[in-house]
Amino acid sequence: MTSTVAPSTSAATGGPSLPQERRLVTEVPGPRSRALLERKAAAVAAGVGIAVPVAVVAAGGGVVVDADGNSLVDLGSGIAVTSVGNAHPRVVEAVQQQVAAFTHTCFTIAAYDGYVEVAEALNRLTPGDHAKKTALFNSGAEAVENAVKIARKHTGKQAVVVFDHAYHGRTNLTMALTAKNQPYKNGFGPFAPEVYRVPMSYPYRDGGLSGAEAAKRAITQIEKQVGAENTAAVLIEPIQGEGGFVVPAPGFLAALSAWATANDVVFIADEVQTGFARTGAMFASEHEGIVPDLVTTAKGMAGGMPLSAVTGRAEIMDSAHVGGLGGTYGGNPVACAAALAAIDAFEHDGLVERAAAIGDLLLGRLRAAQAEDPRIGDVRGRGAMVAVELVDPATGEPDAALTGRVVKYAYEHGVIALTAGTYGNVLRFLPPLAIDDALLGEGLDVVLEGLAAA
């Protein structure tokens, strides 16, 4: 399938200079998109699903263009990956230059500057002014798995504590760490042992517990059912992602971090989805004033190229023996070049502030809608990471069917919206930070129209 779109680039939109507009020239999906989906069904494993049935040929700023010429407002950023904007011009230039030089050596065979530069940047940017070191990998799940390895090696202990509604990946260990059965775990066991789950602070659904009270509940369960003397790590998303953008009550994370420090337990912040300006801070941990021992990152870091990292206290990171960390593609030079360009954009293009402004717009509009529609049970989030939880107004029970209808209406009317949540009843908003206010507002209009129509 060939594209009829030949975009140039524009620093103003952070990507191809596509018209920043919602435009429908066919139904969605159109005939060319349907043709690709038919080929996908014949060639790709059925377990690889597609949420929005379009064949993409170009993207940039706040839009995604499909093979039929439809231009959809992007409220998902490829699940928080294209935060700097799709095909950001500096990322494109950096990738092109690196590809022309060399595409691979395997860093553990022959080193190169880009890997070290990314490590230096992460050591500088992640919370805390202590000595840090970094190791690079490919995916968020791989980063999380290596963080657990490092914590176990450092402490000599085995148990890992995770939380209700958590999502940490789809490898065998990270499936054990992930809470939700369908679609992530069902039928794929047995899973890795020594993983223990405790209650999360979920202000909308845990009876109004304060952060301190919710932390005490979790810590008591850890001490009684696992034992601090057996616990290598507490692993938590500062704001849960797939679990429904759950923002814990103030003080919850700080209390857990303090308990971990007092008990020789490694506190790991999974910032795979929340990292790199997404929440209106460079890292979501900053909102709670916590300094994790280890931080895992991926998604937004490299402008769409596959790259992840574990960054943390030098003495913990150095626990693993030589050869214990690495991988053939980890810290690929092309991905590192993309990351350096994206990090430059995060630091110098005002994207942290832009995320905060996007959050103000989203939260204001959605809370106003909540006041008029009892099906919106909760509105929550930080920065450009915002969600609404949809419920049956009579019972407060999650309404996943309603959520699905809204998402379908949205893409049929030219807007990409995503779902989340343990119960499948959360609409999540992850727009690229390059989107302009007018386009964001129009996309939100369509989603709210879909809710009204449903």
Protein backbone atom coordinates (compact mmCIF):
# COMPACT_ATOMS: atom_id res chain seq x y z
CA MET A 1 0.00 0.00 0.00
CA THR A 2 1.48 3.33 -1.01
CA SER A 3 0.83 6.70 0.51
CA THR A 4 -0.44 9.68 -1.39
CA VAL A 5 0.97 11.94 1.35
CA ALA A 6 4.50 13.31 0.99
CA PRO A 7 4.96 15.50 4.03
CA SER A 8 7.72 17.98 4.66
CA THR A 9 8.74 18.75 8.22
CA SER A 10 7.91 21.61 10.52
CA ALA A 11 9.37 22.48 13.89
CA ALA A 12 6.10 24.24 14.74
CA THR A 13 4.11 20.99 14.82
CA GLY A 14 6.93 18.75 15.98
CA GLY A 15 6.62 16.55 12.90
CA PRO A 16 5.42 16.43 9.31
CA SER A 17 3.80 19.72 8.25
CA LEU A 18 0.39 18.14 7.85
CA PRO A 19 -2.70 20.31 8.09
CA GLN A 20 -3.64 20.33 11.74
CA GLU A 21 -7.27 19.51 11.19
CA ARG A 22 -9.82 16.78 11.62
CA ARG A 23 -10.87 15.73 8.13
CA LEU A 24 -13.11 12.90 7.01
CA VAL A 25 -13.25 12.01 3.31
CA THR A 26 -14.52 8.44 3.75
CA GLU A 27 -16.13 6.45 6.51
CA VAL A 28 -13.66 5.14 9.13
CA PRO A 29 -12.37 2.63 8.38
CA GLY A 30 -12.26 3.49 4.69
CA PRO A 31 -11.67 1.04 1.84
CA ARG A 32 -7.87 1.20 1.90
CA SER A 33 -7.79 0.74 5.65
CA ARG A 34 -10.17 -2.20 5.40
CA ALA A 35 -7.93 -3.76 2.75
CA LEU A 36 -4.94 -3.58 5.10
CA LEU A 37 -6.97 -5.02 7.97
CA GLU A 38 -7.92 -7.97 5.75
CA ARG A 39 -4.24 -8.55 5.01
CA LYS A 40 -3.47 -8.22 8.71
CA ALA A 41 -6.06 -10.88 9.55
CA ALA A 42 -4.43 -13.29 7.09
CA ALA A 43 -0.80 -12.58 7.98
CA VAL A 44 -0.56 -11.41 11.61
CA ALA A 45 -1.20 -13.49 14.72
CA ALA A 46 -4.73 -13.00 16.02
CA GLY A 47 -3.42 -12.10 19.46
CA VAL A 48 -2.06 -8.82 18.08
CA GLY A 49 -5.11 -6.59 18.29
CA ILE A 50 -5.77 -3.17 16.77
CA ALA A 51 -7.77 -0.60 18.73
CA VAL A 52 -8.40 1.90 15.91
CA PRO A 53 -9.06 0.28 12.50
CA VAL A 54 -7.04 2.57 10.23
CA ALA A 55 -3.96 2.17 8.02
CA VAL A 56 -1.62 5.05 8.90
CA VAL A 57 0.48 6.74 6.21
CA ALA A 58 1.58 9.93 7.97
CA ALA A 59 1.42 11.61 11.37
CA GLY A 60 2.61 14.81 12.99
CA GLY A 61 1.62 17.48 15.43
CA GLY A 62 -1.78 16.35 16.70
CA VAL A 63 -3.02 14.35 13.69
CA VAL A 64 -2.74 10.90 12.16
CA VAL A 65 -3.53 10.52 8.45
CA ASP A 66 -4.80 7.24 7.07
CA ALA A 67 -4.49 5.65 3.63
CA ASP A 68 -7.93 6.94 2.64
CA GLY A 69 -6.99 10.57 3.29
CA ASN A 70 -8.81 10.89 6.60
CA SER A 71 -7.04 13.06 9.18
CA LEU A 72 -7.76 11.96 12.75
CA VAL A 73 -7.08 13.95 15.92
CA ASP A 74 -4.53 11.98 17.95
CA LEU A 75 -5.42 11.78 21.64
CA GLY A 76 -3.26 8.70 22.27
CA SER A 77 0.32 9.39 21.09
CA GLY A 78 0.83 5.68 20.46
CA ILE A 79 0.26 5.17 24.22
CA ALA A 80 2.38 8.14 25.33
CA VAL A 81 5.25 7.34 22.97
CA THR A 82 5.18 10.24 20.50
CA SER A 83 5.06 12.91 23.17
CA VAL A 84 7.39 15.26 21.26
CA GLY A 85 5.19 14.84 18.19
CA ASN A 86 5.35 12.15 15.55
CA ALA A 87 8.41 12.42 13.28
CA HIS A 88 9.74 15.42 15.19
CA PRO A 89 12.22 17.11 12.81
CA ARG A 90 15.19 16.95 15.19
CA VAL A 91 14.49 13.29 15.90
CA VAL A 92 14.25 12.58 12.18
CA GLU A 93 17.53 14.37 11.47
CA ALA A 94 19.34 12.59 14.31
CA VAL A 95 18.09 9.18 13.16
CA GLN A 96 19.07 9.84 9.54
CA GLN A 97 22.58 10.88 10.52
CA GLN A 98 23.07 7.86 12.74
CA VAL A 99 21.70 5.39 10.18
CA ALA A 100 24.19 6.78 7.66
CA ALA A 101 27.05 6.22 10.11
CA PHE A 102 26.22 2.76 11.51
CA THR A 103 23.07 0.98 12.69
CA HIS A 104 24.50 -1.50 15.18
CA THR A 105 27.59 -2.85 16.86
CA CYS A 106 26.03 -4.27 20.05
CA PHE A 107 27.18 -2.00 22.87
CA THR A 108 28.45 -4.98 24.86
CA ILE A 109 30.79 -5.81 21.95
CA ALA A 110 31.97 -2.38 20.84
CA ALA A 111 30.86 0.78 22.65
CA TYR A 112 29.72 4.07 21.14
CA ASP A 113 29.10 7.59 22.35
CA GLY A 114 25.30 7.72 22.00
CA TYR A 115 24.67 5.05 24.64
CA VAL A 116 26.88 6.86 27.15
CA GLU A 117 25.28 10.23 26.34
CA VAL A 118 21.78 8.86 26.97
CA ALA A 119 22.96 7.35 30.27
CA GLU A 120 24.50 10.68 31.28
CA ALA A 121 21.25 12.51 30.44
CA LEU A 122 19.13 10.07 32.44
CA ASN A 123 21.50 10.22 35.40
CA ARG A 124 21.11 14.00 35.34
CA LEU A 125 17.35 14.21 34.77
CA THR A 126 15.86 11.53 37.03
CA PRO A 127 14.92 12.59 40.57
CA GLY A 128 17.66 13.03 43.15
CA ASP A 129 21.18 14.46 43.16
CA HIS A 130 22.93 11.28 44.33
CA ALA A 131 25.43 9.38 42.16
CA LYS A 132 23.53 7.40 39.51
CA LYS A 133 24.17 4.92 36.73
CA THR A 134 22.02 3.65 33.86
CA ALA A 135 21.60 0.55 31.72
CA LEU A 136 19.70 0.65 28.42
CA PHE A 137 17.28 -1.91 27.01
CA ASN A 138 14.51 -2.07 24.39
CA SER A 139 11.04 -2.13 25.97
CA GLY A 140 9.38 -1.03 29.17
CA ALA A 141 8.84 -4.63 30.23
CA GLU A 142 12.53 -5.35 29.72
CA ALA A 143 13.47 -2.37 31.86
CA VAL A 144 11.14 -3.46 34.65
CA GLU A 145 12.45 -7.02 34.55
CA ASN A 146 16.04 -5.80 34.80
CA ALA A 147 15.17 -3.45 37.66
CA VAL A 148 13.85 -6.45 39.58
CA LYS A 149 17.02 -8.41 38.78
CA ILE A 150 19.18 -5.58 40.06
CA ALA A 151 17.14 -5.15 43.25
CA ARG A 152 17.33 -8.84 44.03
CA LYS A 153 21.05 -8.93 43.44
CA HIS A 154 21.63 -5.84 45.58
CA THR A 155 19.54 -6.94 48.56
CA GLY A 156 20.06 -10.69 48.40
CA LYS A 157 16.29 -11.00 48.85
CA GLN A 158 13.66 -12.34 46.46
CA ALA A 159 10.14 -11.03 47.10
CA VAL A 160 8.76 -8.21 44.97
CA VAL A 161 5.73 -6.21 46.09
CA VAL A 162 3.37 -4.77 43.47
CA PHE A 163 -0.09 -3.22 43.61
CA ASP A 164 -3.69 -3.76 42.61
CA HIS A 165 -4.45 -2.44 39.09
CA ALA A 166 -0.72 -2.36 38.18
CA TYR A 167 0.60 -2.90 34.68
CA HIS A 168 4.29 -3.65 34.14
CA GLY A 169 4.51 -5.65 30.89
CA ARG A 170 3.85 -8.92 29.06
CA THR A 171 6.98 -11.00 29.59
CA ASN A 172 6.68 -13.91 32.02
CA LEU A 173 7.97 -11.98 35.03
CA THR A 174 6.16 -8.77 34.16
CA MET A 175 2.89 -10.65 33.59
CA ALA A 176 3.25 -11.83 37.18
CA LEU A 177 3.80 -8.21 38.21
CA THR A 178 0.77 -7.02 36.19
CA ALA A 179 -2.61 -7.22 37.92
CA LYS A 180 -5.12 -7.53 35.08
CA ASN A 181 -5.89 -11.00 33.80
CA GLN A 182 -7.61 -10.29 30.46
CA PRO A 183 -6.03 -9.73 28.00
CA TYR A 184 -2.55 -9.67 29.51
CA LYS A 185 -2.26 -12.91 31.51
CA ASN A 186 -5.12 -15.23 30.67
CA GLY A 187 -3.87 -18.71 29.76
CA PHE A 188 -0.18 -17.74 29.69
CA GLY A 189 0.91 -19.10 33.09
CA PRO A 190 2.53 -20.40 35.19
CA PHE A 191 4.11 -17.11 36.16
CA ALA A 192 7.29 -16.20 37.97
CA PRO A 193 7.15 -16.73 41.75
CA GLU A 194 7.86 -14.43 44.71
CA VAL A 195 5.52 -11.67 43.53
CA TYR A 196 3.07 -10.28 46.13
CA ARG A 197 0.20 -7.89 45.50
CA VAL A 198 -1.11 -5.32 47.97
CA PRO A 199 -3.87 -2.66 47.82
CA MET A 200 -3.30 0.53 45.87
CA SER A 201 -4.42 3.97 46.96
CA TYR A 202 -7.39 4.51 44.61
CA PRO A 203 -9.22 7.57 45.94
CA TYR A 204 -12.35 7.05 43.86
CA ARG A 205 -12.83 3.44 44.96
CA ASP A 206 -11.16 2.86 48.34
CA GLY A 207 -13.62 4.52 50.67
CA GLY A 208 -11.89 7.86 51.07
CA LEU A 209 -8.71 6.59 52.69
CA SER A 210 -6.01 9.23 53.04
CA GLY A 211 -2.61 8.56 51.52
CA ALA A 212 -1.19 7.78 54.95
CA GLU A 213 -4.03 5.39 55.76
CA ALA A 214 -3.76 3.61 52.41
CA ALA A 215 0.00 3.29 52.86
CA LYS A 216 -0.44 1.86 56.35
CA ARG A 217 -2.87 -0.72 54.94
CA ALA A 218 -0.37 -1.76 52.26
CA ILE A 219 2.62 -1.80 54.59
CA THR A 220 0.79 -3.87 57.20
CA GLN A 221 -0.01 -6.45 54.54
CA ILE A 222 3.61 -6.52 53.37
CA GLU A 223 4.93 -6.98 56.90
CA LYS A 224 2.39 -9.66 57.84
CA GLN A 225 2.23 -11.64 54.60
CA VAL A 226 5.70 -11.18 53.08
CA GLY A 227 8.08 -9.77 55.66
CA ALA A 228 10.43 -6.86 55.16
CA GLU A 229 13.33 -9.27 55.66
CA ASN A 230 12.25 -11.12 52.49
CA THR A 231 11.32 -8.12 50.34
CA ALA A 232 13.80 -7.05 47.66
CA ALA A 233 11.70 -4.31 46.05
CA VAL A 234 8.51 -2.32 46.10
CA LEU A 235 7.56 -1.60 42.48
CA ILE A 236 4.93 1.03 41.69
CA GLU A 237 3.76 3.37 38.94
CA PRO A 238 3.54 6.90 40.41
CA ILE A 239 0.36 7.21 38.36
CA GLN A 240 -0.98 3.91 37.12
CA GLY A 241 -1.26 3.59 33.35
CA GLU A 242 -3.23 0.62 32.03
CA GLY A 243 -4.82 0.35 35.47
CA GLY A 244 -6.82 3.50 34.74
CA PHE A 245 -4.61 6.54 35.41
CA VAL A 246 -5.08 6.06 39.13
CA VAL A 247 -3.45 8.94 41.02
CA PRO A 248 -2.72 7.85 44.60
CA ALA A 249 -3.78 10.06 47.47
CA PRO A 250 -1.15 12.57 48.65
CA GLY A 251 1.40 11.00 50.98
CA PHE A 252 0.88 7.40 49.81
CA LEU A 253 4.05 7.19 47.71
CA ALA A 254 6.15 9.08 50.24
CA ALA A 255 5.15 6.72 53.06
CA LEU A 256 5.96 3.65 50.97
CA SER A 257 9.31 5.13 49.94
CA ALA A 258 10.21 5.92 53.55
CA TRP A 259 9.26 2.39 54.65
CA ALA A 260 11.39 0.90 51.88
CA THR A 261 14.42 2.97 52.86
CA ALA A 262 14.07 2.00 56.51
CA ASN A 263 13.86 -1.70 55.68
CA ASP A 264 16.60 -2.15 53.03
CA VAL A 265 14.00 -2.52 50.29
CA VAL A 266 14.63 -1.04 46.85
CA PHE A 267 11.91 1.43 45.86
CA ILE A 268 11.36 1.20 42.09
CA ALA A 269 9.29 3.83 40.28
CA ASP A 270 7.93 2.49 36.99
CA GLU A 271 7.88 5.72 34.95
CA VAL A 272 7.54 3.95 31.60
CA GLN A 273 4.29 5.78 30.81
CA THR A 274 4.58 8.77 33.16
CA GLY A 275 8.13 9.82 32.34
CA PHE A 276 9.43 12.62 30.12
CA ALA A 277 7.13 15.60 30.68
CA ARG A 278 3.92 13.61 30.34
CA THR A 279 2.46 14.68 33.71
CA GLY A 280 3.62 18.30 33.75
CA ALA A 281 6.90 17.37 35.42
CA MET A 282 9.83 15.61 33.81
CA PHE A 283 8.99 12.60 36.00
CA ALA A 284 5.76 11.94 37.89
CA SER A 285 7.70 11.09 41.07
CA GLU A 286 8.48 14.80 41.36
CA HIS A 287 4.85 15.64 42.10
CA GLU A 288 5.09 13.69 45.37
CA GLY A 289 8.63 14.79 46.21
CA ILE A 290 9.93 11.22 46.22
CA VAL A 291 13.38 10.07 45.09
CA PRO A 292 13.17 6.45 43.92
CA ASP A 293 16.14 4.13 44.24
CA LEU A 294 15.57 2.91 40.68
CA VAL A 295 13.51 4.46 37.85
CA THR A 296 12.39 2.58 34.74
CA THR A 297 11.73 4.57 31.56
CA ALA A 298 10.72 3.90 27.94
CA LYS A 299 7.77 5.13 25.80
CA GLY A 300 8.22 8.90 25.38
CA MET A 301 12.00 8.84 25.71
CA ALA A 302 13.02 8.25 22.09
CA GLY A 303 10.31 9.79 19.92
CA GLY A 304 8.94 6.44 18.76
CA MET A 305 12.16 4.43 18.54
CA PRO A 306 12.44 1.36 20.82
CA LEU A 307 14.53 2.27 23.86
CA SER A 308 14.18 1.79 27.60
CA ALA A 309 16.32 2.24 30.66
CA VAL A 310 16.90 1.50 34.31
CA THR A 311 18.48 4.43 36.14
CA GLY A 312 19.29 4.53 39.81
CA ARG A 313 21.64 4.76 42.73
CA ALA A 314 25.13 3.88 41.57
CA GLU A 315 25.75 1.39 44.38
CA ILE A 316 22.54 -0.48 43.51
CA MET A 317 23.08 -0.38 39.74
CA ASP A 318 26.62 -1.70 40.20
CA SER A 319 25.39 -4.76 42.13
CA ALA A 320 25.05 -6.85 38.99
CA HIS A 321 28.21 -8.67 37.91
CA VAL A 322 29.86 -7.93 34.55
CA GLY A 323 27.81 -9.57 31.82
CA GLY A 324 24.71 -9.76 34.01
CA LEU A 325 23.04 -6.84 32.23
CA GLY A 326 22.73 -6.19 28.51
CA GLY A 327 21.24 -7.62 25.35
CA THR A 328 21.93 -7.65 21.64
CA TYR A 329 19.84 -4.59 20.78
CA GLY A 330 19.82 -2.77 24.13
CA GLY A 331 20.76 0.87 23.61
CA ASN A 332 20.76 0.58 19.83
CA PRO A 333 22.68 3.55 18.36
CA VAL A 334 19.78 4.73 16.18
CA ALA A 335 17.40 4.66 19.14
CA CYS A 336 19.97 6.49 21.26
CA ALA A 337 20.30 9.22 18.63
CA ALA A 338 16.51 9.61 18.61
CA ALA A 339 16.45 9.77 22.41
CA LEU A 340 19.08 12.49 22.58
CA ALA A 341 17.09 14.61 20.12
CA ALA A 342 13.82 13.98 21.98
CA ILE A 343 15.39 14.77 25.36
CA ASP A 344 16.70 18.02 23.89
CA ALA A 345 13.14 18.87 22.85
CA PHE A 346 11.75 18.02 26.29
CA GLU A 347 14.32 20.28 27.94
CA HIS A 348 14.35 23.22 25.54
CA ASP A 349 10.97 23.36 23.77
CA GLY A 350 8.84 24.07 26.84
CA LEU A 351 7.17 20.66 26.76
CA VAL A 352 6.94 20.26 30.53
CA GLU A 353 4.99 23.50 30.68
CA ARG A 354 2.97 22.49 27.62
CA ALA A 355 1.93 19.24 29.33
CA ALA A 356 0.72 21.21 32.35
CA ALA A 357 -1.30 23.53 30.11
CA ILE A 358 -2.86 20.57 28.30
CA GLY A 359 -3.81 19.14 31.68
CA ASP A 360 -5.51 22.38 32.69
CA LEU A 361 -7.55 22.36 29.49
CA LEU A 362 -8.52 18.69 29.76
CA LEU A 363 -9.34 18.72 33.46
CA GLY A 364 -11.36 21.92 33.16
CA ARG A 365 -13.49 20.66 30.28
CA LEU A 366 -13.95 17.18 31.69
CA ARG A 367 -14.88 18.34 35.18
CA ALA A 368 -17.44 20.68 33.68
CA ALA A 369 -18.87 17.71 31.76
CA GLN A 370 -18.86 15.63 34.96
CA ALA A 371 -21.06 18.20 36.66
CA GLU A 372 -23.67 17.65 33.94
CA ASP A 373 -23.36 13.88 33.40
CA PRO A 374 -23.60 11.43 36.32
CA ARG A 375 -22.09 8.67 34.16
CA ILE A 376 -18.72 10.39 34.59
CA GLY A 377 -17.87 8.98 37.98
CA ASP A 378 -14.37 10.41 38.27
CA VAL A 379 -12.02 12.78 36.45
CA ARG A 380 -8.36 12.46 37.37
CA GLY A 381 -4.80 12.80 36.16
CA ARG A 382 -1.88 15.16 35.90
CA GLY A 383 -0.61 17.12 32.93
CA ALA A 384 -1.26 15.47 29.59
CA MET A 385 -2.23 12.21 31.32
CA VAL A 386 -5.92 12.52 32.17
CA ALA A 387 -8.78 10.06 32.44
CA VAL A 388 -12.49 9.81 33.05
CA GLU A 389 -14.02 6.78 34.70
CA LEU A 390 -17.46 5.92 33.33
CA VAL A 391 -20.02 4.23 35.57
CA ASP A 392 -23.64 3.28 35.87
CA PRO A 393 -25.02 6.35 37.67
CA ALA A 394 -27.55 4.25 39.59
CA THR A 395 -25.04 1.80 41.06
CA GLY A 396 -21.58 3.29 40.57
CA GLU A 397 -20.54 0.07 38.87
CA PRO A 398 -18.00 0.32 36.02
CA ASP A 399 -19.55 0.66 32.55
CA ALA A 400 -17.12 -0.84 30.06
CA ALA A 401 -19.77 -1.15 27.34
CA LEU A 402 -20.41 2.59 27.43
CA THR A 403 -16.68 3.26 27.23
CA GLY A 404 -16.37 1.06 24.17
CA ARG A 405 -19.23 2.84 22.43
CA VAL A 406 -17.64 6.23 23.05
CA VAL A 407 -14.29 5.13 21.60
CA LYS A 408 -16.01 3.68 18.52
CA TYR A 409 -17.97 6.89 17.98
CA ALA A 410 -14.75 8.88 18.36
CA TYR A 411 -12.75 7.09 15.67
CA GLU A 412 -15.73 6.96 13.32
CA HIS A 413 -15.84 10.76 13.66
CA GLY A 414 -12.11 11.34 13.28
CA VAL A 415 -10.64 11.11 16.79
CA ILE A 416 -8.28 8.50 18.24
CA ALA A 417 -9.18 7.85 21.88
CA LEU A 418 -7.98 5.04 24.15
CA THR A 419 -9.43 3.01 26.98
CA ALA A 420 -7.82 1.71 30.18
CA GLY A 421 -8.69 0.42 33.62
CA THR A 422 -9.01 -2.91 35.37
CA TYR A 423 -12.72 -2.81 34.56
CA GLY A 424 -12.31 -1.46 31.02
CA ASN A 425 -14.36 1.63 31.87
CA VAL A 426 -11.78 4.41 31.68
CA LEU A 427 -11.26 6.84 28.79
CA ARG A 428 -7.66 8.02 28.83
CA PHE A 429 -6.25 11.11 27.19
CA LEU A 430 -2.57 11.08 26.16
CA PRO A 431 -2.30 13.72 23.42
CA PRO A 432 1.07 14.56 21.90
CA LEU A 433 2.55 17.62 23.55
CA ALA A 434 2.83 19.15 20.06
CA ILE A 435 -0.96 19.37 19.67
CA ASP A 436 -2.46 22.86 19.60
CA ASP A 437 -5.33 23.95 21.83
CA ALA A 438 -7.86 24.27 19.01
CA LEU A 439 -7.30 20.75 17.74
CA LEU A 440 -7.25 19.33 21.27
CA GLY A 441 -10.52 21.09 22.02
CA GLU A 442 -12.10 19.77 18.83
CA GLY A 443 -11.01 16.23 19.62
CA LEU A 444 -12.45 16.53 23.10
CA ASP A 445 -15.70 17.89 21.64
CA VAL A 446 -16.06 14.72 19.57
CA VAL A 447 -15.41 12.44 22.55
CA LEU A 448 -18.01 14.26 24.62
CA GLU A 449 -20.45 14.13 21.68
CA GLY A 450 -19.85 10.39 21.62
CA LEU A 451 -20.65 10.15 25.32
CA ALA A 452 -23.86 12.10 24.79
CA ALA A 453 -24.82 9.95 21.81
CA ALA A 454 -24.14 6.74 23.75
